[in-house]
Protein backbone atom coordinates (compact mmCIF):
# COMPACT_ATOMS: atom_id res chain seq x y z
CA UNK A 1 82.41 -49.30 -22.79
CA UNK A 2 81.81 -46.54 -19.92
CA UNK A 3 84.60 -45.30 -18.03
CA UNK A 4 84.78 -46.27 -14.67
CA UNK A 5 85.39 -43.90 -12.03
CA UNK A 6 84.72 -43.26 -7.73
CA UNK A 7 81.48 -41.31 -7.52
CA UNK A 8 82.01 -37.66 -6.99
CA UNK A 9 78.87 -35.84 -4.62
CA UNK A 10 78.12 -33.76 -8.08
CA UNK A 11 77.42 -36.90 -9.22
CA UNK A 12 74.50 -37.52 -6.55
CA UNK A 13 71.94 -36.51 -8.63
CA UNK A 14 72.72 -38.67 -11.52
CA UNK A 15 73.40 -41.97 -9.98
CA UNK A 16 69.51 -40.86 -8.03
CA UNK A 17 68.22 -41.24 -11.55
CA UNK A 18 69.71 -44.21 -13.04
CA UNK A 19 68.93 -46.16 -10.16
CA UNK A 20 65.12 -44.78 -10.38
CA UNK A 21 64.91 -45.54 -13.51
CA UNK A 22 65.53 -48.74 -13.60
CA UNK A 23 63.60 -49.90 -10.48
CA UNK A 24 60.79 -48.37 -12.34
CA UNK A 25 60.86 -49.91 -15.13
CA UNK A 26 62.16 -53.68 -13.73
CA UNK A 27 60.62 -53.57 -10.74
CA UNK A 28 58.00 -51.17 -9.54
CA UNK A 29 55.49 -52.71 -10.77
CA UNK A 30 55.83 -56.11 -8.40
CA UNK A 31 55.76 -54.14 -5.17
CA UNK A 32 53.26 -52.14 -2.73
CA UNK A 33 53.15 -48.30 -2.00
CA UNK A 34 55.41 -48.63 0.40
CA UNK A 35 58.04 -51.10 -1.95
CA UNK A 36 58.33 -47.71 -4.07
CA UNK A 37 58.39 -45.61 -1.03
CA UNK A 38 61.14 -47.44 0.52
CA UNK A 39 63.12 -47.71 -2.42
CA UNK A 40 62.31 -43.80 -3.43
CA UNK A 41 64.12 -43.13 0.01
CA UNK A 42 67.00 -45.42 -0.13
CA UNK A 43 67.51 -43.91 -3.48
CA UNK A 44 67.58 -40.36 -3.13
CA UNK A 45 70.05 -38.15 -4.42
CA UNK A 46 70.41 -37.37 -0.12
CA UNK A 47 70.48 -40.84 1.47
CA UNK A 48 73.60 -41.41 -1.75
CA UNK A 49 75.25 -38.72 -0.45
CA UNK A 50 75.48 -39.75 3.82
CA UNK A 51 76.60 -42.89 2.25
CA UNK A 52 79.28 -41.77 0.44
CA UNK A 53 80.47 -39.91 3.08
CA UNK A 54 80.61 -43.48 5.44
CA UNK A 55 81.98 -47.00 4.44
CA UNK A 56 80.28 -47.14 1.39
CA UNK A 57 82.55 -47.90 -1.85
CA UNK A 58 80.14 -45.92 -4.75
CA UNK A 59 81.58 -46.33 -9.37
CA UNK A 60 79.48 -44.74 -11.81
CA UNK A 61 79.73 -46.03 -14.77
CA UNK A 62 80.13 -43.06 -17.39
CA UNK A 63 79.66 -42.93 -21.21
CA UNK A 64 79.96 -39.95 -22.79
CA UNK A 65 79.37 -37.68 -19.69
CA UNK A 66 76.61 -39.71 -18.47
CA UNK A 67 76.31 -42.03 -14.94
CA UNK A 68 74.39 -44.40 -16.85
CA UNK A 69 75.25 -47.16 -14.13
CA UNK A 70 76.37 -47.12 -10.51
CA UNK A 71 77.25 -49.85 -7.75
CA UNK A 72 77.66 -49.25 -4.07
CA UNK A 73 79.43 -52.15 -1.74
CA UNK A 74 78.32 -50.80 2.12
CA UNK A 75 80.95 -51.87 4.18
CA UNK A 76 83.13 -53.66 2.11
CA UNK A 77 80.72 -56.39 2.02
CA UNK A 78 77.11 -56.09 0.53
CA UNK A 79 76.57 -55.07 -2.44
CA UNK A 80 74.11 -52.21 -1.51
CA UNK A 81 72.89 -50.79 -4.97
CA UNK A 82 73.40 -52.30 -8.69
CA UNK A 83 71.61 -50.09 -11.33
CA UNK A 84 72.44 -49.65 -15.22
CA UNK A 85 70.56 -47.06 -17.13
CA UNK A 86 67.49 -49.36 -18.74
CA UNK A 87 68.36 -48.23 -21.87
CA UNK A 88 71.72 -49.82 -21.90
CA UNK A 89 71.36 -52.68 -20.33
CA UNK A 90 72.74 -56.04 -21.30
CA UNK A 91 75.80 -54.48 -22.73
CA UNK A 92 78.05 -55.78 -20.09
CA UNK A 93 78.13 -52.44 -17.76
CA UNK A 94 76.98 -53.95 -14.35
CA UNK A 95 79.52 -56.30 -15.05
CA UNK A 96 81.92 -54.54 -15.33
CA UNK A 97 80.53 -52.17 -12.47
CA UNK A 98 80.90 -55.27 -10.42
CA UNK A 99 83.96 -56.06 -11.01
CA UNK A 100 85.25 -52.62 -10.24
CA UNK A 101 84.01 -53.15 -6.96
CA UNK A 102 84.93 -56.81 -6.47
CA UNK A 103 88.83 -55.44 -5.11
CA UNK A 104 86.99 -53.95 -2.24
CA UNK A 105 85.38 -56.69 -1.21
CA UNK A 106 87.27 -56.57 2.71
CA UNK A 107 86.40 -61.11 3.57
CA UNK A 108 86.21 -63.97 1.11
CA UNK A 109 81.77 -63.17 0.56
CA UNK A 110 80.09 -60.56 -1.11
CA UNK A 111 76.20 -60.57 0.01
CA UNK A 112 73.36 -58.90 -2.36
CA UNK A 113 69.54 -58.73 -1.44
CA UNK A 114 68.36 -58.87 -4.68
CA UNK A 115 64.87 -57.45 -6.62
CA UNK A 116 63.47 -60.79 -7.87
CA UNK A 117 63.70 -59.67 -11.43
CA UNK A 118 67.45 -59.64 -10.79
CA UNK A 119 68.55 -62.53 -9.03
CA UNK A 120 68.17 -64.46 -12.67
CA UNK A 121 71.12 -61.23 -13.63
CA UNK A 122 73.08 -62.00 -10.38
CA UNK A 123 73.31 -65.49 -10.60
CA UNK A 124 74.85 -64.52 -14.78
CA UNK A 125 77.69 -62.76 -12.46
CA UNK A 126 78.45 -66.03 -10.00
CA UNK A 127 76.24 -65.32 -7.14
CA UNK A 128 74.53 -67.91 -5.84
CA UNK A 129 71.08 -68.44 -3.61
CA UNK A 130 71.29 -67.87 0.18
CA UNK A 131 68.48 -67.99 1.49
CA UNK A 132 65.05 -67.93 1.81
CA UNK A 133 63.10 -64.89 0.09
CA UNK A 134 62.89 -62.34 2.69
CA UNK A 135 60.85 -58.61 2.78
CA UNK A 136 61.93 -54.77 4.22
CA UNK A 137 59.54 -52.11 4.86
CA UNK A 138 57.60 -53.42 1.36
CA UNK A 139 61.02 -54.31 -0.41
CA UNK A 140 61.10 -58.27 -1.94
CA UNK A 141 64.30 -59.47 -2.06
CA UNK A 142 66.21 -62.66 -2.60
CA UNK A 143 69.52 -63.16 -0.70
CA UNK A 144 72.62 -64.20 -2.51
CA UNK A 145 76.50 -64.70 -2.10
CA UNK A 146 79.36 -64.15 -4.57
CA UNK A 147 82.74 -66.30 -3.25
CA UNK A 148 85.26 -63.41 -3.80
CA UNK A 149 88.83 -64.95 -5.02
CA UNK A 150 91.42 -64.08 -2.75
CA UNK A 151 93.73 -61.31 -4.23
CA UNK A 152 96.28 -62.94 -6.83
CA UNK A 153 99.42 -61.60 -3.93
CA UNK A 154 102.26 -60.01 -6.66
CA UNK A 155 105.31 -62.87 -7.41
CA UNK A 156 108.14 -61.52 -4.83
CA UNK A 157 110.90 -58.75 -6.05
CA UNK A 158 114.46 -59.71 -6.36
CA UNK A 159 116.36 -59.87 -2.81
């Protein structure tokens, strides 16, 4: 299993490349040119750089020195990105990334706007549908929500 760690500025080109490879293979064929361009702007290394400086928590999965997956939590409550290199999907990397970001969720739930082909994967992770299919600048998405268990409090120490 890859090592999960916080993203660094040096990772941004690789993060962008993983997102674009997975998107191009699975999502882009179902979208218009506008949707593809919108995603390209959101997944650009420069866009990740801006978000890394803000209130976004970005983790990467690293295997043999190579970034093979990324998860991005926006404002402690919205899953903005979850991508794994296409050749490594189905090996538990996405689940490991999701589990690693859960402690950063602020509040009782986490939302995501999933591409339609990713809905079954999110449902497998425990997300449930949360509204109708929507569209944003050519990106078609299904809102989902995940109830996040409250952190388990540490037992009281000796007095």
